[in-house]
Every structure is written in structure tokens, then in C-alpha cells.
């Protein structure tokens, strides 16, 4: 092993100091740039905080309605009770139309029915649901 001269040790030491100061400079520069883009939570408005909010959903908060391979979750208890009061065939058609966004002809193909029968049962279910909810079915379904 060849011993290092004092000059070599000094230059290596100086280069390590320079490297550390460069890293420190880059860190401070990046931190300043990030600080310009970031806003503390305490400075956000209520609307901005609401956009960032994430709410947990728990199964016991919902009434479930299995429809084919899908499961529809209803949070409103009044709507869930009214849906439970519908005849099962009509309820499935209603749920497919309103919550799965299926057209009458798609529902008819899925359930192996005539489209007109699907339409009649859907309208019947809607009238009964509206009656059970005291005329407030539109407001609850559209939530």
C-alpha cells in the first residue's frame, strides 16, 4: 500500500466537503421549490378540505340488494325499506334500470323477457315505490 501524501489527503477532504455542500445546496433549493407549491392544511378552505376528504364505507351502513352478479348498496333506510316492499321481480328490474343504468331492452335480454313486460314492471315498481315513500321517490333515488 502506498501512503497518501498530505496534499492528496487534503484534496480528497476538500472534495468531500464540496460534495456535502453541493448536496446541502441542492436539498435547500429543492425544499424551497416544494414549499412554494405546497399549502399547509391549516390554510385550506372548507371546500378544498372537503375535496380531499375520504370517507370509509362499512357494510353495516348499507342495505344490500344483489342483482345478478352485481350488488347494489343503499344507504338511505327509507328507500331500502320501500325497495324491500316491492315484489322481487319488479325490484330487480327497477334496480337494474336506476342503479345499473341498463335500458329496458338490455334488462329484457338479461332476464329473458319481452321488453314491454320489463317496461310495465319497471313503471309499476316506480309507482309503488313513490307511493310507499310518500311521493319523495325522485329525490331519494337521484341522491
Protein backbone atom coordinates (compact mmCIF):
# COMPACT_ATOMS: atom_id res chain seq x y z
CA UNK A 1 0.00 0.00 0.00
CA UNK A 2 1.31 3.41 -0.95
CA UNK A 3 0.99 6.08 1.72
CA UNK A 4 -1.00 9.14 0.75
CA UNK A 5 0.67 12.48 0.76
CA UNK A 6 -0.77 15.35 2.74
CA UNK A 7 -1.77 17.07 -0.49
CA UNK A 8 -3.75 14.04 -1.62
CA UNK A 9 -5.48 13.75 1.74
CA UNK A 10 -6.29 17.46 1.68
CA UNK A 11 -7.74 17.39 -1.84
CA UNK A 12 -9.84 14.35 -1.03
CA UNK A 13 -11.09 16.06 2.13
CA UNK A 14 -11.88 19.26 0.20
CA UNK A 15 -13.78 17.33 -2.47
CA UNK A 16 -15.88 15.57 0.16
CA UNK A 17 -16.69 18.93 1.78
CA UNK A 18 -17.60 20.33 -1.63
CA UNK A 19 -19.82 17.30 -2.35
CA UNK A 20 -21.61 17.72 1.00
CA UNK A 21 -22.11 21.44 0.47
CA UNK A 22 -23.42 20.77 -3.04
CA UNK A 23 -25.88 18.20 -1.67
CA UNK A 24 -26.92 20.66 1.02
CA UNK A 25 -27.39 23.39 -1.59
CA UNK A 26 -29.50 21.10 -3.82
CA UNK A 27 -31.58 19.96 -0.86
CA UNK A 28 -32.27 23.54 0.23
CA UNK A 29 -33.09 24.60 -3.33
CA UNK A 30 -35.50 21.66 -3.79
CA UNK A 31 -37.08 22.26 -0.39
CA UNK A 32 -37.68 25.92 -1.27
CA UNK A 33 -39.26 24.94 -4.60
CA UNK A 34 -41.53 22.40 -2.88
CA UNK A 35 -42.50 24.94 -0.22
CA UNK A 36 -43.70 27.31 -2.96
CA UNK A 37 -46.02 24.60 -4.36
CA UNK A 38 -47.33 23.21 -1.08
CA UNK A 39 -50.05 24.66 1.10
CA UNK A 40 -50.47 23.67 4.76
CA UNK A 41 -53.81 22.07 5.67
CA UNK A 42 -54.47 24.91 8.11
CA UNK A 43 -54.55 27.37 5.20
CA UNK A 44 -57.07 25.41 3.07
CA UNK A 45 -60.70 26.49 2.85
CA UNK A 46 -63.56 24.19 3.90
CA UNK A 47 -64.35 23.46 0.23
CA UNK A 48 -60.75 22.49 -0.52
CA UNK A 49 -60.63 20.24 2.54
CA UNK A 50 -63.90 18.60 1.51
CA UNK A 51 -62.37 17.75 -1.89
CA UNK A 52 -59.50 15.97 -0.15
CA UNK A 53 -61.70 14.07 2.30
CA UNK A 54 -62.06 10.32 2.06
CA UNK A 55 -64.90 8.63 3.89
CA UNK A 56 -64.83 5.00 4.88
CA UNK A 57 -67.78 2.86 3.88
CA UNK A 58 -68.77 0.00 6.12
CA UNK A 59 -71.10 -2.80 5.05
CA UNK A 60 -73.37 -2.39 8.06
CA UNK A 61 -74.19 1.19 6.99
CA UNK A 62 -75.91 -0.07 3.83
CA UNK A 63 -78.72 -2.36 2.82
CA UNK A 64 -77.54 -4.65 0.05
CA UNK A 65 -79.57 -5.75 -2.93
CA UNK A 66 -77.96 -8.49 -5.03
CA UNK A 67 -78.96 -8.23 -8.68
CA UNK A 68 -77.39 -10.90 -10.84
CA UNK A 69 -73.61 -10.63 -10.45
CA UNK A 70 -73.85 -7.09 -9.04
CA UNK A 71 -74.60 -5.88 -5.52
CA UNK A 72 -76.31 -2.54 -5.04
CA UNK A 73 -75.71 -0.71 -1.77
CA UNK A 74 -78.46 1.58 -0.45
CA UNK A 75 -77.59 3.89 2.43
CA UNK A 76 -80.98 5.56 2.92
CA UNK A 77 -83.08 3.40 5.25
CA UNK A 78 -86.43 4.69 3.97
CA UNK A 79 -85.51 3.88 0.38
CA UNK A 80 -84.21 0.44 1.40
CA UNK A 81 -87.45 -0.36 3.24
CA UNK A 82 -89.54 0.77 0.28
CA UNK A 83 -87.40 -1.31 -2.11
CA UNK A 84 -87.82 -4.34 0.16
CA UNK A 85 -91.60 -3.89 -0.04
CA UNK A 86 -91.56 -4.24 -3.86
CA UNK A 87 -92.17 -7.63 -5.46
CA UNK A 88 -88.70 -9.20 -6.06
CA UNK A 89 -89.02 -9.39 -9.88
CA UNK A 90 -90.13 -5.77 -10.15
CA UNK A 91 -87.44 -4.67 -7.66
CA UNK A 92 -84.69 -6.32 -9.72
CA UNK A 93 -85.92 -4.63 -12.90
CA UNK A 94 -86.14 -1.30 -11.10
CA UNK A 95 -82.64 -1.64 -9.64
CA UNK A 96 -81.16 -2.64 -13.00
CA UNK A 97 -82.73 0.40 -14.63
CA UNK A 98 -81.97 3.05 -11.98
CA UNK A 99 -78.74 1.86 -10.36
CA UNK A 100 -77.03 -0.20 -13.04
CA UNK A 101 -78.07 2.13 -15.86
CA UNK A 102 -79.46 -0.65 -18.04
CA UNK A 103 -82.04 0.08 -20.76
CA UNK A 104 -85.30 -1.87 -20.93
CA UNK A 105 -84.11 -3.95 -23.89
CA UNK A 106 -80.89 -4.88 -22.02
CA UNK A 107 -82.88 -5.92 -18.95
CA UNK A 108 -85.25 -7.93 -21.16
CA UNK A 109 -82.32 -9.80 -22.73
CA UNK A 110 -80.73 -10.42 -19.33
CA UNK A 111 -83.96 -11.74 -17.75
CA UNK A 112 -85.23 -13.47 -20.93
CA UNK A 113 -88.41 -11.36 -21.04
CA UNK A 114 -90.24 -9.24 -23.54
CA UNK A 115 -89.16 -5.59 -23.46
CA UNK A 116 -92.74 -4.39 -22.98
CA UNK A 117 -93.09 -6.59 -19.87
CA UNK A 118 -89.90 -5.11 -18.44
CA UNK A 119 -91.20 -1.60 -19.13
CA UNK A 120 -94.57 -2.29 -17.49
CA UNK A 121 -92.98 -3.86 -14.39
CA UNK A 122 -90.46 -1.03 -14.05
CA UNK A 123 -93.20 1.60 -14.22
CA UNK A 124 -95.34 -0.38 -11.76
CA UNK A 125 -92.40 -0.65 -9.35
CA UNK A 126 -91.73 3.07 -9.67
CA UNK A 127 -95.37 3.99 -8.91
CA UNK A 128 -95.45 1.68 -5.88
CA UNK A 129 -92.11 2.96 -4.63
CA UNK A 130 -93.28 6.55 -4.99
CA UNK A 131 -96.46 5.71 -3.08
CA UNK A 132 -94.51 3.95 -0.30
CA UNK A 133 -92.18 6.92 0.07
CA UNK A 134 -94.95 9.49 0.10
CA UNK A 135 -94.16 10.98 -3.30
CA UNK A 136 -90.46 11.50 -2.49
CA UNK A 137 -89.06 8.69 -4.62
CA UNK A 138 -87.46 11.03 -7.19
CA UNK A 139 -85.45 12.88 -4.56
CA UNK A 140 -84.19 9.76 -2.79
CA UNK A 141 -83.29 7.78 -5.93
CA UNK A 142 -81.38 10.64 -7.52
CA UNK A 143 -79.10 11.12 -4.46
